[in-house]
N, C-alpha and C. Protein backbone atom coordinates (compact mmCIF):
# COMPACT_ATOMS: atom_id res chain seq x y z
N UNK A 1 204.59 147.03 -76.83
CA UNK A 1 205.01 145.87 -77.56
C UNK A 1 206.34 145.33 -77.03
N UNK A 2 207.22 146.24 -76.63
CA UNK A 2 208.53 145.82 -76.12
C UNK A 2 208.37 145.04 -74.82
N UNK A 3 207.51 145.55 -73.94
CA UNK A 3 207.30 144.89 -72.64
C UNK A 3 206.66 143.52 -72.83
N UNK A 4 205.70 143.42 -73.71
CA UNK A 4 205.04 142.14 -73.96
C UNK A 4 206.05 141.15 -74.57
N UNK A 5 206.85 141.62 -75.50
CA UNK A 5 207.86 140.76 -76.12
C UNK A 5 208.89 140.29 -75.11
N UNK A 6 209.32 141.18 -74.21
CA UNK A 6 210.28 140.81 -73.18
C UNK A 6 209.68 139.78 -72.23
N UNK A 7 208.44 139.99 -71.82
CA UNK A 7 207.77 139.06 -70.92
C UNK A 7 207.61 137.69 -71.58
N UNK A 8 207.24 137.68 -72.86
CA UNK A 8 207.08 136.43 -73.59
C UNK A 8 208.41 135.68 -73.70
N UNK A 9 209.48 136.43 -73.94
CA UNK A 9 210.79 135.81 -74.03
C UNK A 9 211.18 135.16 -72.71
N UNK A 10 210.90 135.82 -71.62
CA UNK A 10 211.21 135.25 -70.30
C UNK A 10 210.40 133.98 -70.04
N UNK A 11 209.13 133.98 -70.42
CA UNK A 11 208.30 132.79 -70.23
C UNK A 11 208.77 131.64 -71.11
N UNK A 12 209.12 131.92 -72.34
CA UNK A 12 209.56 130.88 -73.27
C UNK A 12 210.92 130.31 -72.87
N UNK A 13 211.75 131.11 -72.23
CA UNK A 13 213.08 130.63 -71.82
C UNK A 13 212.95 129.43 -70.90
N UNK A 14 212.02 129.48 -69.95
CA UNK A 14 211.82 128.36 -69.04
C UNK A 14 211.27 127.13 -69.76
N UNK A 15 210.40 127.35 -70.72
CA UNK A 15 209.80 126.23 -71.45
C UNK A 15 210.78 125.60 -72.45
N UNK A 16 211.66 126.42 -73.01
CA UNK A 16 212.57 125.92 -74.03
C UNK A 16 213.85 125.30 -73.46
N UNK A 17 214.10 125.46 -72.18
CA UNK A 17 215.32 124.91 -71.57
C UNK A 17 215.44 123.40 -71.74
N UNK A 18 214.39 122.60 -71.47
CA UNK A 18 214.52 121.15 -71.69
C UNK A 18 214.76 120.78 -73.16
N UNK A 19 214.13 121.52 -74.07
CA UNK A 19 214.33 121.26 -75.50
C UNK A 19 215.77 121.62 -75.90
N UNK A 20 216.26 122.72 -75.38
CA UNK A 20 217.62 123.14 -75.66
C UNK A 20 218.63 122.13 -75.11
N UNK A 21 218.39 121.63 -73.92
CA UNK A 21 219.29 120.64 -73.32
C UNK A 21 219.30 119.34 -74.13
N UNK A 22 218.12 118.90 -74.55
CA UNK A 22 218.03 117.68 -75.36
C UNK A 22 218.74 117.88 -76.71
N UNK A 23 218.61 119.06 -77.28
CA UNK A 23 219.29 119.35 -78.55
C UNK A 23 220.80 119.33 -78.39
N UNK A 24 221.30 119.88 -77.29
CA UNK A 24 222.74 119.84 -77.03
C UNK A 24 223.23 118.41 -76.87
N UNK A 25 222.46 117.59 -76.18
CA UNK A 25 222.84 116.19 -75.98
C UNK A 25 222.86 115.44 -77.32
N UNK A 26 221.86 115.67 -78.15
CA UNK A 26 221.81 115.01 -79.46
C UNK A 26 222.96 115.49 -80.34
N UNK A 27 223.26 116.78 -80.29
CA UNK A 27 224.38 117.32 -81.07
C UNK A 27 225.71 116.73 -80.63
N UNK A 28 225.88 116.56 -79.33
CA UNK A 28 227.11 115.96 -78.81
C UNK A 28 227.23 114.52 -79.28
N UNK A 29 226.14 113.79 -79.28
CA UNK A 29 226.17 112.40 -79.74
C UNK A 29 226.51 112.33 -81.23
N UNK A 30 225.97 113.24 -82.02
CA UNK A 30 226.26 113.25 -83.46
C UNK A 30 227.73 113.59 -83.70
N UNK A 31 228.25 114.60 -83.00
CA UNK A 31 229.65 114.98 -83.17
C UNK A 31 230.56 113.83 -82.76
N UNK A 32 230.23 113.16 -81.66
CA UNK A 32 231.04 112.03 -81.21
C UNK A 32 231.04 110.91 -82.26
N UNK A 33 229.89 110.64 -82.82
CA UNK A 33 229.79 109.62 -83.86
C UNK A 33 230.59 109.99 -85.10
N UNK A 34 230.54 111.26 -85.49
CA UNK A 34 231.32 111.71 -86.64
C UNK A 34 232.81 111.63 -86.37
N UNK A 35 233.21 111.99 -85.17
CA UNK A 35 234.63 111.94 -84.82
C UNK A 35 235.15 110.52 -84.92
N UNK A 36 234.42 109.59 -84.35
CA UNK A 36 234.87 108.19 -84.34
C UNK A 36 234.93 107.61 -85.75
N UNK A 37 234.03 108.03 -86.63
CA UNK A 37 234.03 107.46 -87.98
C UNK A 37 234.88 108.24 -88.98
N UNK A 38 235.08 109.53 -88.77
CA UNK A 38 235.78 110.35 -89.76
C UNK A 38 237.22 110.71 -89.40
N UNK A 39 237.56 110.71 -88.13
CA UNK A 39 238.92 111.06 -87.70
C UNK A 39 239.66 109.77 -87.41
N UNK A 40 240.87 109.66 -87.95
CA UNK A 40 241.64 108.44 -87.75
C UNK A 40 243.01 108.78 -87.19
N UNK A 41 243.33 108.20 -86.06
CA UNK A 41 244.65 108.29 -85.46
C UNK A 41 245.08 106.86 -85.18
N UNK A 42 246.18 106.45 -85.78
CA UNK A 42 246.65 105.08 -85.62
C UNK A 42 248.05 105.09 -85.03
N UNK A 43 248.26 104.23 -84.04
CA UNK A 43 249.56 104.08 -83.40
C UNK A 43 250.37 103.02 -84.12
N UNK A 44 251.70 103.19 -84.11
CA UNK A 44 252.59 102.23 -84.76
C UNK A 44 253.15 101.22 -83.78
N UNK A 45 253.20 101.54 -82.52
CA UNK A 45 253.91 100.74 -81.53
C UNK A 45 253.47 99.29 -81.43
N UNK A 46 254.46 98.40 -81.48
CA UNK A 46 254.19 97.00 -81.26
C UNK A 46 255.42 96.34 -80.63
N UNK A 47 255.17 95.31 -79.89
CA UNK A 47 256.23 94.56 -79.22
C UNK A 47 256.50 93.30 -80.02
N UNK A 48 257.73 93.15 -80.47
CA UNK A 48 258.12 92.00 -81.29
C UNK A 48 259.03 91.10 -80.46
N UNK A 49 258.71 89.81 -80.49
CA UNK A 49 259.50 88.84 -79.73
C UNK A 49 259.70 87.61 -80.60
N UNK A 50 260.95 87.25 -80.80
CA UNK A 50 261.24 86.07 -81.61
C UNK A 50 260.82 86.23 -83.05
N UNK A 51 260.83 87.43 -83.57
CA UNK A 51 260.47 87.67 -84.96
C UNK A 51 259.00 87.80 -85.23
N UNK A 52 258.16 87.66 -84.22
CA UNK A 52 256.72 87.82 -84.45
C UNK A 52 256.14 88.84 -83.47
N UNK A 53 255.09 89.48 -83.89
CA UNK A 53 254.44 90.52 -83.10
C UNK A 53 253.70 89.89 -81.92
N UNK A 54 254.03 90.36 -80.71
CA UNK A 54 253.40 89.83 -79.51
C UNK A 54 252.28 90.76 -79.03
N UNK A 55 252.52 92.06 -79.14
CA UNK A 55 251.56 93.04 -78.66
C UNK A 55 251.54 94.23 -79.60
N UNK A 56 250.38 94.61 -80.07
CA UNK A 56 250.21 95.78 -80.93
C UNK A 56 249.30 96.77 -80.20
N UNK A 57 249.83 97.97 -79.96
CA UNK A 57 249.08 98.98 -79.19
C UNK A 57 247.77 99.35 -79.88
N UNK A 58 247.77 99.50 -81.20
CA UNK A 58 246.57 99.89 -81.92
C UNK A 58 245.50 98.80 -81.84
N UNK A 59 245.91 97.55 -81.98
CA UNK A 59 244.94 96.45 -81.87
C UNK A 59 244.33 96.39 -80.48
N UNK A 60 245.16 96.62 -79.47
CA UNK A 60 244.67 96.63 -78.09
C UNK A 60 243.63 97.72 -77.89
N UNK A 61 243.95 98.94 -78.35
CA UNK A 61 243.00 100.05 -78.21
C UNK A 61 241.72 99.81 -79.01
N UNK A 62 241.86 99.25 -80.22
CA UNK A 62 240.68 98.98 -81.03
C UNK A 62 239.77 97.93 -80.40
N UNK A 63 240.36 97.01 -79.66
CA UNK A 63 239.57 95.96 -79.02
C UNK A 63 238.83 96.47 -77.79
N UNK A 64 239.54 97.22 -76.94
CA UNK A 64 238.96 97.59 -75.66
C UNK A 64 238.34 98.98 -75.64
N UNK A 65 238.88 99.92 -76.37
CA UNK A 65 238.34 101.28 -76.41
C UNK A 65 238.35 101.79 -77.85
N UNK A 66 237.49 101.25 -78.71
CA UNK A 66 237.52 101.66 -80.12
C UNK A 66 237.21 103.16 -80.27
N UNK A 67 238.02 103.83 -81.06
CA UNK A 67 237.79 105.25 -81.34
C UNK A 67 238.22 106.19 -80.23
N UNK A 68 238.97 105.73 -79.24
CA UNK A 68 239.32 106.59 -78.11
C UNK A 68 240.32 107.67 -78.49
N UNK A 69 241.30 107.34 -79.35
CA UNK A 69 242.31 108.34 -79.73
C UNK A 69 241.71 109.52 -80.49
N UNK A 70 240.88 109.29 -81.52
CA UNK A 70 240.25 110.44 -82.19
C UNK A 70 239.36 111.23 -81.25
N UNK A 71 238.66 110.54 -80.36
CA UNK A 71 237.77 111.22 -79.42
C UNK A 71 238.57 112.09 -78.45
N UNK A 72 239.67 111.58 -77.93
CA UNK A 72 240.50 112.37 -77.01
C UNK A 72 241.13 113.56 -77.72
N UNK A 73 241.60 113.36 -78.95
CA UNK A 73 242.22 114.46 -79.68
C UNK A 73 241.20 115.54 -80.01
N UNK A 74 240.01 115.15 -80.44
CA UNK A 74 238.96 116.12 -80.73
C UNK A 74 238.52 116.83 -79.46
N UNK A 75 238.44 116.10 -78.35
CA UNK A 75 238.12 116.73 -77.07
C UNK A 75 239.17 117.76 -76.68
N UNK A 76 240.43 117.46 -76.93
CA UNK A 76 241.50 118.43 -76.67
C UNK A 76 241.32 119.68 -77.52
N UNK A 77 240.98 119.50 -78.79
CA UNK A 77 240.77 120.66 -79.66
C UNK A 77 239.59 121.51 -79.19
N UNK A 78 238.49 120.87 -78.80
CA UNK A 78 237.35 121.63 -78.27
C UNK A 78 237.72 122.37 -76.99
N UNK A 79 238.51 121.72 -76.14
CA UNK A 79 238.95 122.36 -74.89
C UNK A 79 239.82 123.58 -75.21
N UNK A 80 240.71 123.45 -76.17
CA UNK A 80 241.56 124.58 -76.55
C UNK A 80 240.74 125.74 -77.12
N UNK A 81 239.68 125.42 -77.85
CA UNK A 81 238.82 126.47 -78.39
C UNK A 81 238.06 127.17 -77.26
N UNK A 82 237.46 126.37 -76.38
CA UNK A 82 236.57 126.94 -75.37
C UNK A 82 237.33 127.59 -74.21
N UNK A 83 238.31 126.91 -73.66
CA UNK A 83 238.98 127.41 -72.46
C UNK A 83 240.16 128.33 -72.76
N UNK A 84 240.88 128.06 -73.84
CA UNK A 84 242.09 128.83 -74.15
C UNK A 84 241.88 129.84 -75.28
N UNK A 85 240.67 129.84 -75.88
CA UNK A 85 240.32 130.77 -76.96
C UNK A 85 241.29 130.71 -78.14
N UNK A 86 241.66 129.51 -78.53
CA UNK A 86 242.54 129.33 -79.68
C UNK A 86 241.76 129.54 -80.97
N UNK A 87 242.41 130.05 -81.98
CA UNK A 87 241.77 130.25 -83.29
C UNK A 87 241.82 128.94 -84.09
N UNK A 88 241.02 128.87 -85.12
CA UNK A 88 241.00 127.68 -85.98
C UNK A 88 242.32 127.52 -86.72
N UNK A 89 242.95 128.64 -87.08
CA UNK A 89 244.24 128.57 -87.76
C UNK A 89 245.30 127.94 -86.85
N UNK A 90 245.29 128.34 -85.62
CA UNK A 90 246.24 127.79 -84.65
C UNK A 90 245.99 126.29 -84.44
N UNK A 91 244.72 125.90 -84.35
CA UNK A 91 244.39 124.48 -84.19
C UNK A 91 244.81 123.66 -85.40
N UNK A 92 244.60 124.23 -86.60
CA UNK A 92 245.01 123.52 -87.81
C UNK A 92 246.52 123.33 -87.83
N UNK A 93 247.26 124.37 -87.44
CA UNK A 93 248.71 124.27 -87.40
C UNK A 93 249.17 123.23 -86.38
N UNK A 94 248.54 123.22 -85.20
CA UNK A 94 248.91 122.25 -84.17
C UNK A 94 248.59 120.83 -84.64
N UNK A 95 247.46 120.64 -85.29
CA UNK A 95 247.09 119.32 -85.80
C UNK A 95 248.09 118.85 -86.86
N UNK A 96 248.46 119.75 -87.75
CA UNK A 96 249.44 119.41 -88.79
C UNK A 96 250.79 119.06 -88.17
N UNK A 97 251.25 119.87 -87.24
CA UNK A 97 252.53 119.61 -86.58
C UNK A 97 252.49 118.32 -85.77
N UNK A 98 251.37 118.05 -85.10
CA UNK A 98 251.20 116.82 -84.34
C UNK A 98 251.31 115.60 -85.25
N UNK A 99 250.67 115.65 -86.39
CA UNK A 99 250.72 114.54 -87.34
C UNK A 99 252.11 114.33 -87.90
N UNK A 100 252.77 115.42 -88.29
CA UNK A 100 254.11 115.30 -88.84
C UNK A 100 255.09 114.81 -87.80
N UNK A 101 255.06 115.42 -86.61
CA UNK A 101 255.99 115.03 -85.54
C UNK A 101 255.75 113.58 -85.11
N UNK A 102 254.49 113.19 -84.98
CA UNK A 102 254.17 111.81 -84.60
C UNK A 102 254.61 110.81 -85.64
N UNK A 103 254.49 111.18 -86.92
CA UNK A 103 254.93 110.29 -87.99
C UNK A 103 256.45 110.16 -88.04
N UNK A 104 257.13 111.29 -87.88
CA UNK A 104 258.60 111.25 -87.91
C UNK A 104 259.17 110.53 -86.70
N UNK A 105 258.50 110.67 -85.55
CA UNK A 105 258.97 109.99 -84.32
C UNK A 105 258.64 108.51 -84.32
N UNK A 106 257.83 108.06 -85.28
CA UNK A 106 257.48 106.65 -85.35
C UNK A 106 256.37 106.25 -84.40
N UNK A 107 255.63 107.24 -83.88
CA UNK A 107 254.54 106.95 -82.95
C UNK A 107 253.23 106.73 -83.71
N UNK A 108 253.00 107.56 -84.74
CA UNK A 108 251.77 107.47 -85.51
C UNK A 108 252.02 106.77 -86.82
N UNK A 109 251.03 106.01 -87.26
CA UNK A 109 251.14 105.29 -88.53
C UNK A 109 250.68 106.16 -89.67
């Protein structure tokens, strides 16, 4: 029974690879969609000339690359988990410190 089960597992591995790849792609698309809609990072920076706003960094990003800041930040967190083996507690602390420091520095809204 062990040999038959092992042989069956080997045969199914080749057949299930395309299904597994498609599932990973769909999962990545869902996570990306959730990140863009649920995570919000807003920049404060704007250029004021003559008492009126001439250039707003957040408006520029929203026009040309909507959702890029949350996507980049979430990608950084995934990279830290996968490549650097960071714990969730460490990531939560870094996210909290990033938000506080960015707010105090006047970079994040």
